[in-house]
PDB file of N, CA and C in Angstrom:
ATOM      1  N   UNK A   1      -3.421 -16.098 -18.937  1.00  0.00           N
ATOM      2  CA  UNK A   1      -3.243 -15.663 -17.550  1.00  0.00           C
ATOM      3  C   UNK A   1      -2.622 -16.804 -16.761  1.00  0.00           C
ATOM      4  N   UNK A   2      -1.756 -16.459 -15.863  1.00  0.00           N
ATOM      5  CA  UNK A   2      -1.109 -17.449 -15.007  1.00  0.00           C
ATOM      6  C   UNK A   2      -2.113 -18.078 -14.047  1.00  0.00           C
ATOM      7  N   UNK A   3      -1.704 -19.179 -13.468  1.00  0.00           N
ATOM      8  CA  UNK A   3      -2.507 -19.859 -12.462  1.00  0.00           C
ATOM      9  C   UNK A   3      -2.774 -18.918 -11.289  1.00  0.00           C
ATOM     10  N   UNK A   4      -4.024 -18.811 -10.884  1.00  0.00           N
ATOM     11  CA  UNK A   4      -4.405 -17.974  -9.738  1.00  0.00           C
ATOM     12  C   UNK A   4      -4.733 -18.906  -8.587  1.00  0.00           C
ATOM     13  N   UNK A   5      -3.954 -18.801  -7.505  1.00  0.00           N
ATOM     14  CA  UNK A   5      -4.200 -19.729  -6.398  1.00  0.00           C
ATOM     15  C   UNK A   5      -5.419 -19.314  -5.568  1.00  0.00           C
ATOM     16  N   UNK A   6      -5.831 -20.203  -4.704  1.00  0.00           N
ATOM     17  CA  UNK A   6      -7.036 -20.019  -3.894  1.00  0.00           C
ATOM     18  C   UNK A   6      -6.975 -18.768  -3.020  1.00  0.00           C
ATOM     19  N   UNK A   7      -5.806 -18.442  -2.506  1.00  0.00           N
ATOM     20  CA  UNK A   7      -5.658 -17.270  -1.637  1.00  0.00           C
ATOM     21  C   UNK A   7      -6.042 -15.999  -2.377  1.00  0.00           C
ATOM     22  N   UNK A   8      -5.569 -15.842  -3.595  1.00  0.00           N
ATOM     23  CA  UNK A   8      -5.890 -14.645  -4.371  1.00  0.00           C
ATOM     24  C   UNK A   8      -7.342 -14.641  -4.826  1.00  0.00           C
ATOM     25  N   UNK A   9      -7.901 -15.797  -5.096  1.00  0.00           N
ATOM     26  CA  UNK A   9      -9.300 -15.880  -5.526  1.00  0.00           C
ATOM     27  C   UNK A   9     -10.256 -15.431  -4.429  1.00  0.00           C
ATOM     28  N   UNK A  10      -9.870 -15.602  -3.164  1.00  0.00           N
ATOM     29  CA  UNK A  10     -10.750 -15.265  -2.041  1.00  0.00           C
ATOM     30  C   UNK A  10     -10.741 -13.776  -1.695  1.00  0.00           C
ATOM     31  N   UNK A  11      -9.819 -12.998  -2.267  1.00  0.00           N
ATOM     32  CA  UNK A  11      -9.752 -11.570  -1.952  1.00  0.00           C
ATOM     33  C   UNK A  11     -10.981 -10.857  -2.485  1.00  0.00           C
ATOM     34  N   UNK A  12     -11.552  -9.971  -1.671  1.00  0.00           N
ATOM     35  CA  UNK A  12     -12.795  -9.272  -2.003  1.00  0.00           C
ATOM     36  C   UNK A  12     -12.526  -7.854  -2.494  1.00  0.00           C
ATOM     37  N   UNK A  13     -13.486  -7.305  -3.197  1.00  0.00           N
ATOM     38  CA  UNK A  13     -13.382  -5.921  -3.675  1.00  0.00           C
ATOM     39  C   UNK A  13     -13.201  -4.982  -2.481  1.00  0.00           C
ATOM     40  N   UNK A  14     -12.243  -4.091  -2.573  1.00  0.00           N
ATOM     41  CA  UNK A  14     -11.978  -3.124  -1.520  1.00  0.00           C
ATOM     42  C   UNK A  14     -11.103  -3.647  -0.391  1.00  0.00           C
ATOM     43  N   UNK A  15     -10.731  -4.917  -0.443  1.00  0.00           N
ATOM     44  CA  UNK A  15      -9.896  -5.493   0.610  1.00  0.00           C
ATOM     45  C   UNK A  15      -8.528  -4.814   0.616  1.00  0.00           C
ATOM     46  N   UNK A  16      -8.024  -4.569   1.821  1.00  0.00           N
ATOM     47  CA  UNK A  16      -6.716  -3.939   1.947  1.00  0.00           C
ATOM     48  C   UNK A  16      -5.606  -4.968   1.811  1.00  0.00           C
ATOM     49  N   UNK A  17      -4.622  -4.604   1.016  1.00  0.00           N
ATOM     50  CA  UNK A  17      -3.407  -5.392   0.892  1.00  0.00           C
ATOM     51  C   UNK A  17      -2.280  -4.524   1.421  1.00  0.00           C
ATOM     52  N   UNK A  18      -1.593  -5.043   2.401  1.00  0.00           N
ATOM     53  CA  UNK A  18      -0.543  -4.302   3.086  1.00  0.00           C
ATOM     54  C   UNK A  18       0.814  -4.663   2.508  1.00  0.00           C
ATOM     55  N   UNK A  19       1.659  -3.660   2.362  1.00  0.00           N
ATOM     56  CA  UNK A  19       3.017  -3.883   1.887  1.00  0.00           C
ATOM     57  C   UNK A  19       4.012  -3.330   2.889  1.00  0.00           C
ATOM     58  N   UNK A  20       5.103  -4.054   3.070  1.00  0.00           N
ATOM     59  CA  UNK A  20       6.189  -3.610   3.936  1.00  0.00           C
ATOM     60  C   UNK A  20       7.461  -3.561   3.105  1.00  0.00           C
ATOM     61  N   UNK A  21       8.063  -2.380   3.020  1.00  0.00           N
ATOM     62  CA  UNK A  21       9.331  -2.246   2.305  1.00  0.00           C
ATOM     63  C   UNK A  21      10.426  -2.726   3.247  1.00  0.00           C
ATOM     64  N   UNK A  22      11.059  -3.817   2.868  1.00  0.00           N
ATOM     65  CA  UNK A  22      12.103  -4.418   3.700  1.00  0.00           C
ATOM     66  C   UNK A  22      13.469  -3.814   3.425  1.00  0.00           C
ATOM     67  N   UNK A  23      13.688  -3.364   2.188  1.00  0.00           N
ATOM     68  CA  UNK A  23      15.004  -2.849   1.810  1.00  0.00           C
ATOM     69  C   UNK A  23      14.862  -1.963   0.582  1.00  0.00           C
ATOM     70  N   UNK A  24      15.684  -0.926   0.524  1.00  0.00           N
ATOM     71  CA  UNK A  24      15.789  -0.075  -0.658  1.00  0.00           C
ATOM     72  C   UNK A  24      17.234  -0.146  -1.113  1.00  0.00           C
ATOM     73  N   UNK A  25      17.447  -0.342  -2.406  1.00  0.00           N
ATOM     74  CA  UNK A  25      18.820  -0.435  -2.916  1.00  0.00           C
ATOM     75  C   UNK A  25      19.540   0.885  -2.709  1.00  0.00           C
ATOM     76  N   UNK A  26      20.861   0.837  -2.700  1.00  0.00           N
ATOM     77  CA  UNK A  26      21.658   2.052  -2.471  1.00  0.00           C
ATOM     78  C   UNK A  26      21.408   3.086  -3.569  1.00  0.00           C
ATOM     79  N   UNK A  27      21.075   2.646  -4.771  1.00  0.00           N
ATOM     80  CA  UNK A  27      20.780   3.584  -5.861  1.00  0.00           C
ATOM     81  C   UNK A  27      19.358   4.138  -5.763  1.00  0.00           C
ATOM     82  N   UNK A  28      18.514   3.490  -4.969  1.00  0.00           N
ATOM     83  CA  UNK A  28      17.119   3.897  -4.842  1.00  0.00           C
ATOM     84  C   UNK A  28      16.252   3.418  -5.988  1.00  0.00           C
ATOM     85  N   UNK A  29      16.799   2.566  -6.851  1.00  0.00           N
ATOM     86  CA  UNK A  29      16.093   2.112  -8.052  1.00  0.00           C
ATOM     87  C   UNK A  29      15.255   0.855  -7.839  1.00  0.00           C
ATOM     88  N   UNK A  30      15.395   0.195  -6.699  1.00  0.00           N
ATOM     89  CA  UNK A  30      14.578  -0.995  -6.439  1.00  0.00           C
ATOM     90  C   UNK A  30      14.299  -1.137  -4.955  1.00  0.00           C
ATOM     91  N   UNK A  31      13.241  -1.883  -4.678  1.00  0.00           N
ATOM     92  CA  UNK A  31      12.835  -2.153  -3.295  1.00  0.00           C
ATOM     93  C   UNK A  31      12.495  -3.623  -3.161  1.00  0.00           C
ATOM     94  N   UNK A  32      12.695  -4.147  -1.964  1.00  0.00           N
ATOM     95  CA  UNK A  32      12.242  -5.491  -1.629  1.00  0.00           C
ATOM     96  C   UNK A  32      11.033  -5.322  -0.721  1.00  0.00           C
ATOM     97  N   UNK A  33       9.906  -5.859  -1.166  1.00  0.00           N
ATOM     98  CA  UNK A  33       8.632  -5.619  -0.488  1.00  0.00           C
ATOM     99  C   UNK A  33       7.935  -6.940  -0.193  1.00  0.00           C
ATOM    100  N   UNK A  34       7.345  -7.047   0.992  1.00  0.00           N
ATOM    101  CA  UNK A  34       6.511  -8.189   1.381  1.00  0.00           C
ATOM    102  C   UNK A  34       5.064  -7.719   1.396  1.00  0.00           C
ATOM    103  N   UNK A  35       4.120  -8.622   1.019  1.00  0.00           N
ATOM    104  CA  UNK A  35       2.709  -8.272   0.933  1.00  0.00           C
ATOM    105  C   UNK A  35       1.857  -9.194   1.806  1.00  0.00           C
ATOM    106  N   UNK A  36       0.847  -8.597   2.453  1.00  0.00           N
ATOM    107  CA  UNK A  36      -0.016  -9.318   3.386  1.00  0.00           C
ATOM    108  C   UNK A  36      -1.450  -8.815   3.267  1.00  0.00           C
ATOM    109  N   UNK A  37      -2.366  -9.597   3.790  1.00  0.00           N
ATOM    110  CA  UNK A  37      -3.733  -9.146   4.029  1.00  0.00           C
ATOM    111  C   UNK A  37      -4.180  -9.755   5.345  1.00  0.00           C
ATOM    112  N   UNK A  38      -5.294  -9.279   5.863  1.00  0.00           N
ATOM    113  CA  UNK A  38      -5.850  -9.819   7.103  1.00  0.00           C
ATOM    114  C   UNK A  38      -7.185 -10.464   6.774  1.00  0.00           C
ATOM    115  N   UNK A  39      -7.333 -11.713   7.212  1.00  0.00           N
ATOM    116  CA  UNK A  39      -8.572 -12.454   6.973  1.00  0.00           C
ATOM    117  C   UNK A  39      -8.969 -13.155   8.256  1.00  0.00           C
ATOM    118  N   UNK A  40     -10.156 -12.867   8.746  1.00  0.00           N
ATOM    119  CA  UNK A  40     -10.654 -13.438  10.000  1.00  0.00           C
ATOM    120  C   UNK A  40      -9.660 -13.220  11.143  1.00  0.00           C
ATOM    121  N   UNK A  41      -9.064 -12.041  11.193  1.00  0.00           N
ATOM    122  CA  UNK A  41      -8.128 -11.688  12.251  1.00  0.00           C
ATOM    123  C   UNK A  41      -6.753 -12.315  12.113  1.00  0.00           C
ATOM    124  N   UNK A  42      -6.510 -12.995  11.007  1.00  0.00           N
ATOM    125  CA  UNK A  42      -5.228 -13.673  10.805  1.00  0.00           C
ATOM    126  C   UNK A  42      -4.465 -12.998   9.668  1.00  0.00           C
ATOM    127  N   UNK A  43      -3.161 -12.791   9.869  1.00  0.00           N
ATOM    128  CA  UNK A  43      -2.302 -12.199   8.864  1.00  0.00           C
ATOM    129  C   UNK A  43      -1.941 -13.257   7.818  1.00  0.00           C
ATOM    130  N   UNK A  44      -2.244 -12.974   6.557  1.00  0.00           N
ATOM    131  CA  UNK A  44      -2.001 -13.907   5.455  1.00  0.00           C
ATOM    132  C   UNK A  44      -0.897 -13.330   4.567  1.00  0.00           C
ATOM    133  N   UNK A  45       0.168 -14.093   4.365  1.00  0.00           N
ATOM    134  CA  UNK A  45       1.271 -13.656   3.513  1.00  0.00           C
ATOM    135  C   UNK A  45       0.898 -13.902   2.051  1.00  0.00           C
ATOM    136  N   UNK A  46       0.877 -12.835   1.262  1.00  0.00           N
ATOM    137  CA  UNK A  46       0.524 -12.917  -0.153  1.00  0.00           C
ATOM    138  C   UNK A  46       1.732 -12.842  -1.076  1.00  0.00           C
ATOM    139  N   UNK A  47       2.918 -12.715  -0.513  1.00  0.00           N
ATOM    140  CA  UNK A  47       4.117 -12.456  -1.306  1.00  0.00           C
ATOM    141  C   UNK A  47       4.317 -13.486  -2.413  1.00  0.00           C
ATOM    142  N   UNK A  48       4.304 -14.779  -2.077  1.00  0.00           N
ATOM    143  CA  UNK A  48       4.511 -15.822  -3.088  1.00  0.00           C
ATOM    144  C   UNK A  48       3.415 -15.801  -4.152  1.00  0.00           C
ATOM    145  N   UNK A  49       2.178 -15.660  -3.724  1.00  0.00           N
ATOM    146  CA  UNK A  49       1.049 -15.688  -4.656  1.00  0.00           C
ATOM    147  C   UNK A  49       1.116 -14.529  -5.643  1.00  0.00           C
ATOM    148  N   UNK A  50       1.417 -13.340  -5.146  1.00  0.00           N
ATOM    149  CA  UNK A  50       1.529 -12.173  -6.020  1.00  0.00           C
ATOM    150  C   UNK A  50       2.710 -12.331  -6.964  1.00  0.00           C
ATOM    151  N   UNK A  51       3.834 -12.798  -6.443  1.00  0.00           N
ATOM    152  CA  UNK A  51       5.025 -12.980  -7.281  1.00  0.00           C
ATOM    153  C   UNK A  51       4.742 -13.956  -8.419  1.00  0.00           C
ATOM    154  N   UNK A  52       4.077 -15.054  -8.094  1.00  0.00           N
ATOM    155  CA  UNK A  52       3.775 -16.069  -9.093  1.00  0.00           C
ATOM    156  C   UNK A  52       2.870 -15.513 -10.193  1.00  0.00           C
ATOM    157  N   UNK A  53       1.834 -14.790  -9.792  1.00  0.00           N
ATOM    158  CA  UNK A  53       0.871 -14.267 -10.759  1.00  0.00           C
ATOM    159  C   UNK A  53       1.461 -13.155 -11.618  1.00  0.00           C
ATOM    160  N   UNK A  54       2.225 -12.252 -10.998  1.00  0.00           N
ATOM    161  CA  UNK A  54       2.728 -11.088 -11.719  1.00  0.00           C
ATOM    162  C   UNK A  54       4.119 -11.287 -12.315  1.00  0.00           C
ATOM    163  N   UNK A  55       4.720 -12.440 -12.070  1.00  0.00           N
ATOM    164  CA  UNK A  55       6.006 -12.737 -12.691  1.00  0.00           C
ATOM    165  C   UNK A  55       7.219 -12.168 -11.981  1.00  0.00           C
ATOM    166  N   UNK A  56       7.091 -11.880 -10.699  1.00  0.00           N
ATOM    167  CA  UNK A  56       8.239 -11.418  -9.907  1.00  0.00           C
ATOM    168  C   UNK A  56       8.968 -12.620  -9.314  1.00  0.00           C
ATOM    169  N   UNK A  57      10.235 -12.420  -8.989  1.00  0.00           N
ATOM    170  CA  UNK A  57      10.991 -13.445  -8.282  1.00  0.00           C
ATOM    171  C   UNK A  57      10.924 -13.149  -6.794  1.00  0.00           C
ATOM    172  N   UNK A  58      10.769 -14.196  -6.000  1.00  0.00           N
ATOM    173  CA  UNK A  58      10.764 -14.042  -4.547  1.00  0.00           C
ATOM    174  C   UNK A  58      12.205 -14.116  -4.070  1.00  0.00           C
ATOM    175  N   UNK A  59      12.583 -13.168  -3.230  1.00  0.00           N
ATOM    176  CA  UNK A  59      13.931 -13.120  -2.673  1.00  0.00           C
ATOM    177  C   UNK A  59      13.842 -13.112  -1.160  1.00  0.00           C
ATOM    178  N   UNK A  60      14.907 -13.586  -0.533  1.00  0.00           N
ATOM    179  CA  UNK A  60      14.990 -13.587   0.923  1.00  0.00           C
ATOM    180  C   UNK A  60      15.712 -12.325   1.372  1.00  0.00           C
ATOM    181  N   UNK A  61      15.203 -11.685   2.413  1.00  0.00           N
ATOM    182  CA  UNK A  61      15.885 -10.550   3.037  1.00  0.00           C
ATOM    183  C   UNK A  61      15.826 -10.752   4.537  1.00  0.00           C
ATOM    184  N   UNK A  62      16.921 -11.202   5.106  1.00  0.00           N
ATOM    185  CA  UNK A  62      17.030 -11.450   6.548  1.00  0.00           C
ATOM    186  C   UNK A  62      15.876 -12.306   7.072  1.00  0.00           C
ATOM    187  N   UNK A  63      15.540 -13.351   6.327  1.00  0.00           N
ATOM    188  CA  UNK A  63      14.501 -14.278   6.757  1.00  0.00           C
ATOM    189  C   UNK A  63      13.098 -13.927   6.306  1.00  0.00           C
ATOM    190  N   UNK A  64      12.926 -12.798   5.615  1.00  0.00           N
ATOM    191  CA  UNK A  64      11.615 -12.394   5.115  1.00  0.00           C
ATOM    192  C   UNK A  64      11.549 -12.645   3.614  1.00  0.00           C
ATOM    193  N   UNK A  65      10.434 -13.178   3.139  1.00  0.00           N
ATOM    194  CA  UNK A  65      10.221 -13.348   1.704  1.00  0.00           C
ATOM    195  C   UNK A  65       9.762 -12.019   1.120  1.00  0.00           C
ATOM    196  N   UNK A  66      10.392 -11.620   0.033  1.00  0.00           N
ATOM    197  CA  UNK A  66      10.116 -10.323  -0.572  1.00  0.00           C
ATOM    198  C   UNK A  66      10.047 -10.434  -2.085  1.00  0.00           C
ATOM    199  N   UNK A  67       9.399  -9.461  -2.675  1.00  0.00           N
ATOM    200  CA  UNK A  67       9.398  -9.286  -4.120  1.00  0.00           C
ATOM    201  C   UNK A  67      10.301  -8.094  -4.406  1.00  0.00           C
ATOM    202  N   UNK A  68      11.186  -8.251  -5.360  1.00  0.00           N
ATOM    203  CA  UNK A  68      12.048  -7.129  -5.760  1.00  0.00           C
ATOM    204  C   UNK A  68      11.332  -6.365  -6.857  1.00  0.00           C
ATOM    205  N   UNK A  69      11.022  -5.091  -6.562  1.00  0.00           N
ATOM    206  CA  UNK A  69      10.291  -4.244  -7.495  1.00  0.00           C
ATOM    207  C   UNK A  69      11.208  -3.104  -7.909  1.00  0.00           C
ATOM    208  N   UNK A  70      11.374  -2.937  -9.208  1.00  0.00           N
ATOM    209  CA  UNK A  70      12.245  -1.885  -9.708  1.00  0.00           C
ATOM    210  C   UNK A  70      11.435  -0.675 -10.130  1.00  0.00           C
ATOM    211  N   UNK A  71      12.023   0.507  -9.931  1.00  0.00           N
ATOM    212  CA  UNK A  71      11.395   1.750 -10.354  1.00  0.00           C
ATOM    213  C   UNK A  71      11.477   2.809  -9.275  1.00  0.00           C
ATOM    214  N   UNK A  72      11.293   4.054  -9.684  1.00  0.00           N
ATOM    215  CA  UNK A  72      11.328   5.186  -8.763  1.00  0.00           C
ATOM    216  C   UNK A  72      10.225   6.168  -9.150  1.00  0.00           C
ATOM    217  N   UNK A  73       9.952   7.097  -8.253  1.00  0.00           N
ATOM    218  CA  UNK A  73       9.032   8.173  -8.568  1.00  0.00           C
ATOM    219  C   UNK A  73       7.573   7.880  -8.289  1.00  0.00           C
ATOM    220  N   UNK A  74       7.290   6.716  -7.701  1.00  0.00           N
ATOM    221  CA  UNK A  74       5.905   6.420  -7.351  1.00  0.00           C
ATOM    222  C   UNK A  74       5.885   5.428  -6.189  1.00  0.00           C
ATOM    223  N   UNK A  75       4.733   5.222  -5.643  1.00  0.00           N
ATOM    224  CA  UNK A  75       4.533   4.260  -4.560  1.00  0.00           C
ATOM    225  C   UNK A  75       4.529   2.860  -5.170  1.00  0.00           C
ATOM    226  N   UNK A  76       5.580   2.098  -4.939  1.00  0.00           N
ATOM    227  CA  UNK A  76       5.717   0.788  -5.563  1.00  0.00           C
ATOM    228  C   UNK A  76       4.770  -0.246  -4.956  1.00  0.00           C
ATOM    229  N   UNK A  77       4.352  -0.049  -3.708  1.00  0.00           N
ATOM    230  CA  UNK A  77       3.335  -0.929  -3.120  1.00  0.00           C
ATOM    231  C   UNK A  77       2.030  -0.737  -3.883  1.00  0.00           C
ATOM    232  N   UNK A  78       1.657   0.517  -4.109  1.00  0.00           N
ATOM    233  CA  UNK A  78       0.457   0.815  -4.890  1.00  0.00           C
ATOM    234  C   UNK A  78       0.557   0.182  -6.274  1.00  0.00           C
ATOM    235  N   UNK A  79       1.709   0.300  -6.919  1.00  0.00           N
ATOM    236  CA  UNK A  79       1.894  -0.240  -8.267  1.00  0.00           C
ATOM    237  C   UNK A  79       1.614  -1.734  -8.321  1.00  0.00           C
ATOM    238  N   UNK A  80       2.169  -2.491  -7.372  1.00  0.00           N
ATOM    239  CA  UNK A  80       1.986  -3.941  -7.368  1.00  0.00           C
ATOM    240  C   UNK A  80       0.520  -4.290  -7.092  1.00  0.00           C
ATOM    241  N   UNK A  81      -0.094  -3.622  -6.127  1.00  0.00           N
ATOM    242  CA  UNK A  81      -1.499  -3.896  -5.796  1.00  0.00           C
ATOM    243  C   UNK A  81      -2.413  -3.490  -6.963  1.00  0.00           C
ATOM    244  N   UNK A  82      -2.101  -2.385  -7.621  1.00  0.00           N
ATOM    245  CA  UNK A  82      -2.858  -1.961  -8.802  1.00  0.00           C
ATOM    246  C   UNK A  82      -2.762  -3.021  -9.898  1.00  0.00           C
ATOM    247  N   UNK A  83      -1.531  -3.478 -10.167  1.00  0.00           N
ATOM    248  CA  UNK A  83      -1.325  -4.510 -11.185  1.00  0.00           C
ATOM    249  C   UNK A  83      -2.078  -5.799 -10.835  1.00  0.00           C
ATOM    250  N   UNK A  84      -2.089  -6.161  -9.572  1.00  0.00           N
ATOM    251  CA  UNK A  84      -2.802  -7.354  -9.119  1.00  0.00           C
ATOM    252  C   UNK A  84      -4.302  -7.240  -9.421  1.00  0.00           C
ATOM    253  N   UNK A  85      -4.890  -6.115  -9.056  1.00  0.00           N
ATOM    254  CA  UNK A  85      -6.312  -5.892  -9.323  1.00  0.00           C
ATOM    255  C   UNK A  85      -6.618  -5.891 -10.806  1.00  0.00           C
ATOM    256  N   UNK A  86      -5.721  -5.314 -11.592  1.00  0.00           N
ATOM    257  CA  UNK A  86      -5.944  -5.256 -13.030  1.00  0.00           C
ATOM    258  C   UNK A  86      -5.880  -6.643 -13.659  1.00  0.00           C
ATOM    259  N   UNK A  87      -4.914  -7.455 -13.246  1.00  0.00           N
ATOM    260  CA  UNK A  87      -4.781  -8.813 -13.797  1.00  0.00           C
ATOM    261  C   UNK A  87      -5.962  -9.692 -13.373  1.00  0.00           C
ATOM    262  N   UNK A  88      -6.361  -9.604 -12.118  1.00  0.00           N
ATOM    263  CA  UNK A  88      -7.429 -10.471 -11.621  1.00  0.00           C
ATOM    264  C   UNK A  88      -8.831 -10.031 -12.033  1.00  0.00           C
ATOM    265  N   UNK A  89      -9.058  -8.700 -12.085  1.00  0.00           N
ATOM    266  CA  UNK A  89     -10.431  -8.204 -12.261  1.00  0.00           C
ATOM    267  C   UNK A  89     -10.568  -7.093 -13.299  1.00  0.00           C
ATOM    268  N   UNK A  90      -9.532  -6.830 -14.059  1.00  0.00           N
ATOM    269  CA  UNK A  90      -9.520  -5.737 -15.050  1.00  0.00           C
ATOM    270  C   UNK A  90      -9.844  -4.397 -14.405  1.00  0.00           C
ATOM    271  N   UNK A  91      -9.476  -4.252 -13.135  1.00  0.00           N
ATOM    272  CA  UNK A  91      -9.725  -3.024 -12.375  1.00  0.00           C
ATOM    273  C   UNK A  91      -8.554  -2.805 -11.422  1.00  0.00           C
ATOM    274  N   UNK A  92      -7.693  -1.868 -11.762  1.00  0.00           N
ATOM    275  CA  UNK A  92      -6.531  -1.591 -10.926  1.00  0.00           C
ATOM    276  C   UNK A  92      -6.886  -1.094  -9.536  1.00  0.00           C
ATOM    277  N   UNK A  93      -8.086  -0.578  -9.375  1.00  0.00           N
ATOM    278  CA  UNK A  93      -8.516  -0.046  -8.076  1.00  0.00           C
ATOM    279  C   UNK A  93      -9.413  -1.025  -7.313  1.00  0.00           C
ATOM    280  N   UNK A  94      -9.402  -2.287  -7.708  1.00  0.00           N
ATOM    281  CA  UNK A  94     -10.221  -3.313  -7.061  1.00  0.00           C
ATOM    282  C   UNK A  94      -9.855  -3.492  -5.596  1.00  0.00           C
ATOM    283  N   UNK A  95      -8.543  -3.446  -5.294  1.00  0.00           N
ATOM    284  CA  UNK A  95      -8.045  -3.584  -3.922  1.00  0.00           C
ATOM    285  C   UNK A  95      -7.523  -2.239  -3.426  1.00  0.00           C
ATOM    286  N   UNK A  96      -7.383  -2.136  -2.117  1.00  0.00           N
ATOM    287  CA  UNK A  96      -6.768  -0.939  -1.523  1.00  0.00           C
ATOM    288  C   UNK A  96      -5.365  -1.330  -1.038  1.00  0.00           C
ATOM    289  N   UNK A  97      -4.434  -0.414  -1.181  1.00  0.00           N
ATOM    290  CA  UNK A  97      -3.071  -0.693  -0.722  1.00  0.00           C
ATOM    291  C   UNK A  97      -2.743   0.203   0.475  1.00  0.00           C
ATOM    292  N   UNK A  98      -1.931  -0.332   1.345  1.00  0.00           N
ATOM    293  CA  UNK A  98      -1.493   0.420   2.520  1.00  0.00           C
ATOM    294  C   UNK A  98      -0.105  -0.041   2.912  1.00  0.00           C
ATOM    295  N   UNK A  99       0.741   0.913   3.239  1.00  0.00           N
ATOM    296  CA  UNK A  99       2.100   0.581   3.686  1.00  0.00           C
ATOM    297  C   UNK A  99       2.098   0.393   5.194  1.00  0.00           C
ATOM    298  N   UNK A 100       2.764  -0.669   5.649  1.00  0.00           N
ATOM    299  CA  UNK A 100       2.931  -0.878   7.086  1.00  0.00           C
ATOM    300  C   UNK A 100       4.405  -0.997   7.405  1.00  0.00           C
TER     301      UNK A 100
END
């Protein structure tokens, strides 16, 4: 397993992870998504941490850090959050995902 940073270790069961789709490719086959959570009323950017753990590359989109996720036919925010929960806790439903 890859190095898990402190930010990801502090996430609790059922915690919401928010995703924002910044861009969809013209073919519709990929999206650039940023990920966040809220902790003590503060917005925490999880994009780099998730990318590092799950093996995604971080890309810039008009000043926003994003993960490029390929695929169609499903909620790609859910997919990334599911994969995160599965890698960290062997439970894809450990976290909740929400699009903002």
